[in-house]
C-alpha atoms as a PDB file:
ATOM      1  CA  MET A   1      -0.263 -11.541  -9.632  1.00  0.00           C
ATOM      2  CA  LYS A   2      -2.867 -11.956 -12.360  1.00  0.00           C
ATOM      3  CA  GLU A   3      -6.600 -11.641 -12.387  1.00  0.00           C
ATOM      4  CA  ASP A   4      -7.398 -14.668 -10.328  1.00  0.00           C
ATOM      5  CA  GLY A   5      -9.490 -16.559 -12.865  1.00  0.00           C
ATOM      6  CA  THR A   6      -7.991 -19.864 -11.723  1.00  0.00           C
ATOM      7  CA  SER A   7     -10.030 -19.637  -8.530  1.00  0.00           C
ATOM      8  CA  LEU A   8     -13.109 -19.623 -10.787  1.00  0.00           C
ATOM      9  CA  GLU A   9     -12.113 -22.864 -12.496  1.00  0.00           C
ATOM     10  CA  HIS A  10     -15.458 -24.457 -11.654  1.00  0.00           C
ATOM     11  CA  PHE A  11     -17.481 -21.263 -12.059  1.00  0.00           C
ATOM     12  CA  SER A  12     -20.968 -22.047 -13.335  1.00  0.00           C
ATOM     13  CA  GLY A  13     -21.212 -18.868 -15.387  1.00  0.00           C
ATOM     14  CA  THR A  14     -24.077 -17.543 -13.287  1.00  0.00           C
ATOM     15  CA  VAL A  15     -23.536 -14.889 -10.644  1.00  0.00           C
ATOM     16  CA  ARG A  16     -25.664 -13.025  -8.123  1.00  0.00           C
ATOM     17  CA  LEU A  17     -25.905  -9.336  -9.027  1.00  0.00           C
ATOM     18  CA  PHE A  18     -25.483  -6.635  -6.409  1.00  0.00           C
ATOM     19  CA  PRO A  19     -26.436  -3.338  -8.134  1.00  0.00           C
ATOM     20  CA  LEU A  20     -24.896  -0.314  -6.432  1.00  0.00           C
ATOM     21  CA  PRO A  21     -24.772   3.396  -7.354  1.00  0.00           C
ATOM     22  CA  ASN A  22     -21.337   4.181  -5.950  1.00  0.00           C
ATOM     23  CA  VAL A  23     -19.118   1.065  -5.909  1.00  0.00           C
ATOM     24  CA  VAL A  24     -16.909  -0.386  -8.656  1.00  0.00           C
ATOM     25  CA  LEU A  25     -15.041  -3.512  -7.580  1.00  0.00           C
ATOM     26  CA  PHE A  26     -11.706  -4.413  -9.201  1.00  0.00           C
ATOM     27  CA  PRO A  27      -9.810  -7.718  -9.283  1.00  0.00           C
ATOM     28  CA  GLN A  28      -7.415  -8.232  -6.359  1.00  0.00           C
ATOM     29  CA  VAL A  29      -8.951  -5.519  -4.153  1.00  0.00           C
ATOM     30  CA  VAL A  30     -11.059  -6.070  -1.039  1.00  0.00           C
ATOM     31  CA  GLN A  31     -14.256  -4.068  -0.608  1.00  0.00           C
ATOM     32  CA  PRO A  32     -16.049  -3.890   2.772  1.00  0.00           C
ATOM     33  CA  LEU A  33     -19.831  -4.103   2.408  1.00  0.00           C
ATOM     34  CA  HIS A  34     -22.689  -3.653   4.848  1.00  0.00           C
ATOM     35  CA  ILE A  35     -25.755  -5.669   3.822  1.00  0.00           C
ATOM     36  CA  PHE A  36     -29.120  -4.656   5.216  1.00  0.00           C
ATOM     37  CA  GLU A  37     -31.836  -4.787   2.520  1.00  0.00           C
ATOM     38  CA  PRO A  38     -33.908  -8.032   2.657  1.00  0.00           C
ATOM     39  CA  ARG A  39     -33.131  -8.950  -0.964  1.00  0.00           C
ATOM     40  CA  TYR A  40     -29.409  -8.639  -0.404  1.00  0.00           C
ATOM     41  CA  ARG A  41     -29.569 -10.475   2.900  1.00  0.00           C
ATOM     42  CA  GLN A  42     -31.102 -13.340   0.916  1.00  0.00           C
ATOM     43  CA  MET A  43     -28.380 -12.973  -1.699  1.00  0.00           C
ATOM     44  CA  THR A  44     -25.691 -13.178   0.983  1.00  0.00           C
ATOM     45  CA  VAL A  45     -27.224 -16.211   2.681  1.00  0.00           C
ATOM     46  CA  ASP A  46     -27.395 -18.015  -0.660  1.00  0.00           C
ATOM     47  CA  ALA A  47     -23.834 -17.062  -1.564  1.00  0.00           C
ATOM     48  CA  LEU A  48     -22.426 -18.249   1.760  1.00  0.00           C
ATOM     49  CA  ALA A  49     -24.228 -21.571   1.367  1.00  0.00           C
ATOM     50  CA  ASP A  50     -22.896 -22.025  -2.164  1.00  0.00           C
ATOM     51  CA  ASP A  51     -19.870 -20.588  -4.008  1.00  0.00           C
ATOM     52  CA  ARG A  52     -19.527 -17.365  -1.942  1.00  0.00           C
ATOM     53  CA  LEU A  53     -19.641 -15.322  -5.156  1.00  0.00           C
ATOM     54  CA  ILE A  54     -21.331 -11.925  -5.526  1.00  0.00           C
ATOM     55  CA  ALA A  55     -20.919  -9.431  -8.359  1.00  0.00           C
ATOM     56  CA  PRO A  56     -21.324  -5.746  -7.524  1.00  0.00           C
ATOM     57  CA  VAL A  57     -22.434  -3.941 -10.678  1.00  0.00           C
ATOM     58  CA  LEU A  58     -22.718  -0.203 -11.205  1.00  0.00           C
ATOM     59  CA  LEU A  59     -26.204   1.194 -11.754  1.00  0.00           C
ATOM     60  CA  ARG A  60     -26.701   3.313 -14.865  1.00  0.00           C
ATOM     61  CA  PRO A  61     -27.756   6.967 -14.521  1.00  0.00           C
ATOM     62  CA  GLY A  62     -31.444   7.320 -13.674  1.00  0.00           C
ATOM     63  CA  TRP A  63     -31.407   4.251 -11.437  1.00  0.00           C
ATOM     64  CA  ASP A  64     -33.146   6.081  -8.568  1.00  0.00           C
ATOM     65  CA  ALA A  65     -36.438   6.176 -10.480  1.00  0.00           C
ATOM     66  CA  ASP A  66     -36.685   2.368 -10.320  1.00  0.00           C
ATOM     67  CA  TYR A  67     -34.381   1.334  -7.479  1.00  0.00           C
ATOM     68  CA  GLU A  68     -36.914  -1.075  -5.965  1.00  0.00           C
ATOM     69  CA  GLY A  69     -37.422  -2.737  -9.346  1.00  0.00           C
ATOM     70  CA  GLN A  70     -34.779  -3.675 -11.894  1.00  0.00           C
ATOM     71  CA  PRO A  71     -32.940  -0.500 -12.919  1.00  0.00           C
ATOM     72  CA  ALA A  72     -30.452  -0.742 -15.782  1.00  0.00           C
ATOM     73  CA  VAL A  73     -26.881  -1.700 -14.885  1.00  0.00           C
ATOM     74  CA  GLN A  74     -23.528  -1.408 -16.640  1.00  0.00           C
ATOM     75  CA  PRO A  75     -22.572  -4.433 -18.788  1.00  0.00           C
ATOM     76  CA  VAL A  76     -19.130  -4.981 -17.229  1.00  0.00           C
ATOM     77  CA  LEU A  77     -18.598  -5.976 -13.596  1.00  0.00           C
ATOM     78  CA  CYS A  78     -16.149  -7.737 -11.320  1.00  0.00           C
ATOM     79  CA  VAL A  79     -17.045 -11.083  -9.800  1.00  0.00           C
ATOM     80  CA  GLY A  80     -16.134 -11.079  -6.113  1.00  0.00           C
ATOM     81  CA  ARG A  81     -15.724 -13.762  -3.499  1.00  0.00           C
ATOM     82  CA  ILE A  82     -16.725 -13.296   0.143  1.00  0.00           C
ATOM     83  CA  VAL A  83     -13.531 -13.796   2.154  1.00  0.00           C
ATOM     84  CA  ALA A  84     -14.913 -12.836   5.568  1.00  0.00           C
ATOM     85  CA  GLU A  85     -18.383 -12.338   6.982  1.00  0.00           C
ATOM     86  CA  GLN A  86     -20.058 -11.207  10.194  1.00  0.00           C
ATOM     87  CA  ARG A  87     -23.736 -11.947  10.648  1.00  0.00           C
ATOM     88  CA  MET A  88     -25.575  -9.701  13.084  1.00  0.00           C
ATOM     89  CA  PRO A  89     -28.470 -10.832  15.295  1.00  0.00           C
ATOM     90  CA  ASP A  90     -31.001  -8.886  13.200  1.00  0.00           C
ATOM     91  CA  GLY A  91     -29.909 -10.573   9.950  1.00  0.00           C
ATOM     92  CA  ARG A  92     -27.654  -7.848   8.597  1.00  0.00           C
ATOM     93  CA  PHE A  93     -24.136  -8.697   7.411  1.00  0.00           C
ATOM     94  CA  ASN A  94     -20.717  -7.107   7.283  1.00  0.00           C
ATOM     95  CA  LEU A  95     -18.700  -8.615   4.447  1.00  0.00           C
ATOM     96  CA  LEU A  96     -15.241  -8.411   2.960  1.00  0.00           C
ATOM     97  CA  LEU A  97     -15.531  -9.058  -0.767  1.00  0.00           C
ATOM     98  CA  ARG A  98     -12.386  -9.733  -2.802  1.00  0.00           C
ATOM     99  CA  GLY A  99     -12.457  -9.038  -6.524  1.00  0.00           C
ATOM    100  CA  VAL A 100     -11.635 -12.119  -8.575  1.00  0.00           C
ATOM    101  CA  SER A 101     -12.210 -11.466 -12.283  1.00  0.00           C
ATOM    102  CA  ARG A 102     -13.669  -9.013 -14.753  1.00  0.00           C
ATOM    103  CA  ALA A 103     -16.792 -10.263 -16.493  1.00  0.00           C
ATOM    104  CA  ARG A 104     -19.383  -9.112 -19.008  1.00  0.00           C
ATOM    105  CA  ILE A 105     -23.098  -9.703 -18.580  1.00  0.00           C
ATOM    106  CA  VAL A 106     -24.506 -11.927 -21.327  1.00  0.00           C
ATOM    107  CA  GLU A 107     -28.086 -11.953 -20.071  1.00  0.00           C
ATOM    108  CA  GLU A 108     -30.064 -11.554 -16.899  1.00  0.00           C
ATOM    109  CA  LEU A 109     -31.840 -14.705 -15.800  1.00  0.00           C
ATOM    110  CA  PRO A 110     -35.398 -15.194 -14.555  1.00  0.00           C
ATOM    111  CA  SER A 111     -35.498 -16.093 -10.880  1.00  0.00           C
ATOM    112  CA  ASP A 112     -37.895 -16.569  -7.990  1.00  0.00           C
ATOM    113  CA  LYS A 113     -35.360 -14.936  -5.654  1.00  0.00           C
ATOM    114  CA  LEU A 114     -35.620 -11.403  -4.305  1.00  0.00           C
ATOM    115  CA  TYR A 115     -32.301 -10.479  -5.926  1.00  0.00           C
ATOM    116  CA  ARG A 116     -31.151 -10.486  -9.551  1.00  0.00           C
ATOM    117  CA  SER A 117     -28.760 -12.884 -11.245  1.00  0.00           C
ATOM    118  CA  ALA A 118     -27.097 -13.063 -14.638  1.00  0.00           C
ATOM    119  CA  ARG A 119     -25.097 -15.275 -16.938  1.00  0.00           C
ATOM    120  CA  VAL A 120     -21.682 -13.715 -17.502  1.00  0.00           C
ATOM    121  CA  GLU A 121     -18.520 -14.305 -19.493  1.00  0.00           C
ATOM    122  CA  LEU A 122     -15.208 -13.902 -17.683  1.00  0.00           C
ATOM    123  CA  THR A 123     -12.763 -11.577 -19.438  1.00  0.00           C
ATOM    124  CA  ALA A 124      -8.962 -11.672 -19.282  1.00  0.00           C
ATOM    125  CA  GLU A 125      -6.361  -8.911 -19.524  1.00  0.00           C
ATOM    126  CA  GLY A 126      -4.571  -8.109 -22.750  1.00  0.00           C
ATOM    127  CA  PRO A 127      -0.802  -8.500 -23.289  1.00  0.00           C
ATOM    128  CA  THR A 128       1.730  -6.835 -20.997  1.00  0.00           C
ATOM    129  CA  PRO A 129       3.619  -3.845 -22.475  1.00  0.00           C
ATOM    130  CA  THR A 130       7.393  -3.989 -22.928  1.00  0.00           C
ATOM    131  CA  PRO A 131       9.510  -3.625 -19.737  1.00  0.00           C
ATOM    132  CA  ASP A 132      10.682  -0.126 -20.742  1.00  0.00           C
ATOM    133  CA  ARG A 133       7.110   0.959 -21.358  1.00  0.00           C
ATOM    134  CA  VAL A 134       5.996  -0.506 -18.047  1.00  0.00           C
ATOM    135  CA  ARG A 135       8.719   1.415 -16.165  1.00  0.00           C
ATOM    136  CA  TRP A 136       7.790   4.670 -17.890  1.00  0.00           C
ATOM    137  CA  LEU A 137       4.099   4.258 -17.143  1.00  0.00           C
ATOM    138  CA  ARG A 138       4.735   3.311 -13.499  1.00  0.00           C
ATOM    139  CA  GLU A 139       6.887   6.410 -12.981  1.00  0.00           C
ATOM    140  CA  ARG A 140       4.311   8.701 -14.555  1.00  0.00           C
ATOM    141  CA  ILE A 141       1.452   7.152 -12.568  1.00  0.00           C
ATOM    142  CA  GLY A 142       3.456   7.323  -9.318  1.00  0.00           C
ATOM    143  CA  THR A 143       3.992  11.056  -9.820  1.00  0.00           C
ATOM    144  CA  ALA A 144       0.404  11.741 -10.859  1.00  0.00           C
ATOM    145  CA  VAL A 145      -1.197   9.934  -7.912  1.00  0.00           C
ATOM    146  CA  GLN A 146       0.689  11.798  -5.176  1.00  0.00           C
ATOM    147  CA  PRO A 147      -1.432  15.007  -5.214  1.00  0.00           C
ATOM    148  CA  TRP A 148      -4.512  12.903  -4.501  1.00  0.00           C
ATOM    149  CA  PHE A 149      -3.064  11.883  -1.119  1.00  0.00           C
ATOM    150  CA  PRO A 150      -1.328  15.086   0.021  1.00  0.00           C
ATOM    151  CA  ASP A 151      -1.101  14.504   3.775  1.00  0.00           C
ATOM    152  CA  ASP A 152       1.894  12.132   3.586  1.00  0.00           C
ATOM    153  CA  GLY A 153      -0.086   9.712   5.739  1.00  0.00           C
ATOM    154  CA  PRO A 154      -0.370   5.927   5.707  1.00  0.00           C
ATOM    155  CA  ALA A 155      -2.508   5.869   2.549  1.00  0.00           C
ATOM    156  CA  LEU A 156       0.143   7.674   0.498  1.00  0.00           C
ATOM    157  CA  ARG A 157       2.935   5.518   1.896  1.00  0.00           C
ATOM    158  CA  GLN A 158       1.014   2.332   1.033  1.00  0.00           C
ATOM    159  CA  LEU A 159       0.388   3.556  -2.490  1.00  0.00           C
ATOM    160  CA  GLU A 160       4.049   4.528  -2.951  1.00  0.00           C
ATOM    161  CA  LYS A 161       5.066   1.011  -1.949  1.00  0.00           C
ATOM    162  CA  LEU A 162       2.677  -0.411  -4.535  1.00  0.00           C
ATOM    163  CA  VAL A 163       4.059   1.813  -7.288  1.00  0.00           C
ATOM    164  CA  GLN A 164       7.648   0.952  -6.382  1.00  0.00           C
ATOM    165  CA  ASN A 165       7.058  -2.804  -6.131  1.00  0.00           C
ATOM    166  CA  PRO A 166       8.505  -4.343  -9.322  1.00  0.00           C
ATOM    167  CA  GLU A 167       6.747  -7.651  -8.590  1.00  0.00           C
ATOM    168  CA  LEU A 168       3.322  -6.039  -8.858  1.00  0.00           C
ATOM    169  CA  PRO A 169       2.080  -6.224 -12.478  1.00  0.00           C
ATOM    170  CA  LEU A 170       1.100  -2.955 -14.117  1.00  0.00           C
ATOM    171  CA  GLY A 171      -2.491  -4.080 -14.694  1.00  0.00           C
ATOM    172  CA  VAL A 172      -2.974  -4.906 -11.023  1.00  0.00           C
ATOM    173  CA  LEU A 173      -1.343  -1.611  -9.988  1.00  0.00           C
ATOM    174  CA  CYS A 174      -3.813   0.288 -12.168  1.00  0.00           C
ATOM    175  CA  ASP A 175      -6.711  -1.604 -10.606  1.00  0.00           C
ATOM    176  CA  LEU A 176      -5.521  -0.918  -7.069  1.00  0.00           C
ATOM    177  CA  LEU A 177      -4.983   2.786  -7.737  1.00  0.00           C
ATOM    178  CA  GLY A 178      -8.222   3.079  -9.693  1.00  0.00           C
ATOM    179  CA  PHE A 179     -10.012   1.612  -6.691  1.00  0.00           C
ATOM    180  CA  ALA A 180      -8.202   3.708  -4.071  1.00  0.00           C
ATOM    181  CA  ALA A 181      -8.085   7.121  -5.747  1.00  0.00           C
ATOM    182  CA  PRO A 182     -11.189   9.336  -5.310  1.00  0.00           C
ATOM    183  CA  LEU A 183     -11.983   9.416  -9.017  1.00  0.00           C
ATOM    184  CA  LEU A 184     -15.463   9.886 -10.418  1.00  0.00           C
ATOM    185  CA  ILE A 185     -17.410   6.650 -10.370  1.00  0.00           C
ATOM    186  CA  GLU A 186     -17.754   6.838 -14.175  1.00  0.00           C
ATOM    187  CA  ALA A 187     -13.962   6.909 -14.465  1.00  0.00           C
ATOM    188  CA  LYS A 188     -13.644   3.840 -12.257  1.00  0.00           C
ATOM    189  CA  GLN A 189     -16.169   1.994 -14.408  1.00  0.00           C
ATOM    190  CA  GLN A 190     -14.228   2.917 -17.550  1.00  0.00           C
ATOM    191  CA  LEU A 191     -11.016   1.563 -16.002  1.00  0.00           C
ATOM    192  CA  LEU A 192     -12.808  -1.672 -15.126  1.00  0.00           C
ATOM    193  CA  GLU A 193     -14.034  -2.035 -18.703  1.00  0.00           C
ATOM    194  CA  THR A 194     -10.536  -1.575 -20.172  1.00  0.00           C
ATOM    195  CA  THR A 195      -8.801  -4.954 -20.539  1.00  0.00           C
ATOM    196  CA  ASP A 196      -5.784  -3.719 -22.527  1.00  0.00           C
ATOM    197  CA  ILE A 197      -3.125  -3.054 -19.861  1.00  0.00           C
ATOM    198  CA  GLU A 198      -1.306  -0.154 -21.529  1.00  0.00           C
ATOM    199  CA  GLU A 199      -4.598   1.491 -22.473  1.00  0.00           C
ATOM    200  CA  ARG A 200      -5.783   1.146 -18.864  1.00  0.00           C
ATOM    201  CA  ALA A 201      -2.549   2.680 -17.560  1.00  0.00           C
ATOM    202  CA  GLN A 202      -2.821   5.600 -19.984  1.00  0.00           C
ATOM    203  CA  LEU A 203      -6.461   6.078 -19.031  1.00  0.00           C
ATOM    204  CA  LEU A 204      -5.639   6.102 -15.321  1.00  0.00           C
ATOM    205  CA  LEU A 205      -2.851   8.596 -15.958  1.00  0.00           C
ATOM    206  CA  GLN A 206      -5.264  10.814 -17.864  1.00  0.00           C
ATOM    207  CA  PHE A 207      -7.852  10.713 -15.081  1.00  0.00           C
ATOM    208  CA  LEU A 208      -5.239  11.506 -12.432  1.00  0.00           C
ATOM    209  CA  GLN A 209      -3.767  14.416 -14.401  1.00  0.00           C
ATOM    210  CA  VAL A 210      -6.932  15.990 -15.824  1.00  0.00           C
ATOM    211  CA  ASN A 211      -9.152  15.671 -12.754  1.00  0.00           C
ATOM    212  CA  GLN A 212      -6.667  17.228 -10.378  1.00  0.00           C
ATOM    213  CA  PRO A 213      -7.670  17.562  -6.713  1.00  0.00           C
ATOM    214  CA  PRO A 214      -7.998  21.100  -5.247  1.00  0.00           C
ATOM    215  CA  THR A 215      -4.762  23.045  -4.809  1.00  0.00           C
ATOM    216  CA  ALA A 216      -3.774  25.633  -2.202  1.00  0.00           C
ATOM    217  CA  GLY A 217      -6.460  28.285  -1.841  1.00  0.00           C
ATOM    218  CA  GLN A 218      -9.220  25.988  -3.050  1.00  0.00           C
ATOM    219  CA  GLN A 219     -11.648  23.886  -1.046  1.00  0.00           C
ATOM    220  CA  PRO A 220      -9.552  21.024   0.396  1.00  0.00           C
ATOM    221  CA  ALA A 221     -10.172  17.530  -0.857  1.00  0.00           C
ATOM    222  CA  LYS A 222     -11.863  15.065   1.427  1.00  0.00           C
ATOM    223  CA  LYS A 223      -9.254  12.990   3.230  1.00  0.00           C
ATOM    224  CA  GLN A 224      -9.022   9.554   1.643  1.00  0.00           C
ATOM    225  CA  LYS A 225      -8.734   6.236   3.386  1.00  0.00           C
ATOM    226  CA  PHE A 226      -7.020   3.153   2.012  1.00  0.00           C
ATOM    227  CA  PRO A 227      -8.607   0.701   2.284  1.00  0.00           C
ATOM    228  CA  PRO A 228     -12.023   2.415   2.308  1.00  0.00           C
ATOM    229  CA  ASP A 229     -14.784   2.111   4.871  1.00  0.00           C
ATOM    230  CA  PHE A 230     -17.768  -0.201   4.487  1.00  0.00           C
ATOM    231  CA  SER A 231     -20.205   0.594   1.684  1.00  0.00           C
ATOM    232  CA  CYS A 232     -23.923   0.113   2.250  1.00  0.00           C
ATOM    233  CA  ASN A 233     -26.441  -1.346  -0.159  1.00  0.00           C
END
């Protein structure tokens, strides 16, 4: 599996922006979304009638002071494609959005729409590390991620299968774990911005090891779900 840029072969270079304070989408993952604000209902209607593309983008700190306007967003995002939708009688939507490719915002574009849009450049991953290096990194990451899912439930078993799957490229594994693990949203954004595969793996390992979840005697960590529940705009 690679970042699925081939499915964007006829991509126009313009994408609908979906600024969010708590969601970072990664290539190959599927994010449930609940759409209820009028501007994002319009965005969804337009996307479904066209290329089905939406790009969640993380809001920069201080966004709440201008949420109804155009608060600043991070420069790197993931273009996503709507793979399933449910329209409710009142105009709200439930969506499943699959990450397709990393991209960098070149410029925001003027528009008469309620929502924002931007011209972006798609970005590809760097070279794959040597096989020995890949094995070492996978083993270290597999060990480091286990404390984050301590209940030995379905989430941990799914993640163990991912780590042990030799057919799953290291870059994709890092994206899946970066999405699933309850890391700080700033850490997730940093992983998204890192195109070099070995650097991303080392960064994920650092986040998993340094930001350890609570141990015995501490406040227990919130139980994690994989995949996660719907996120609201």
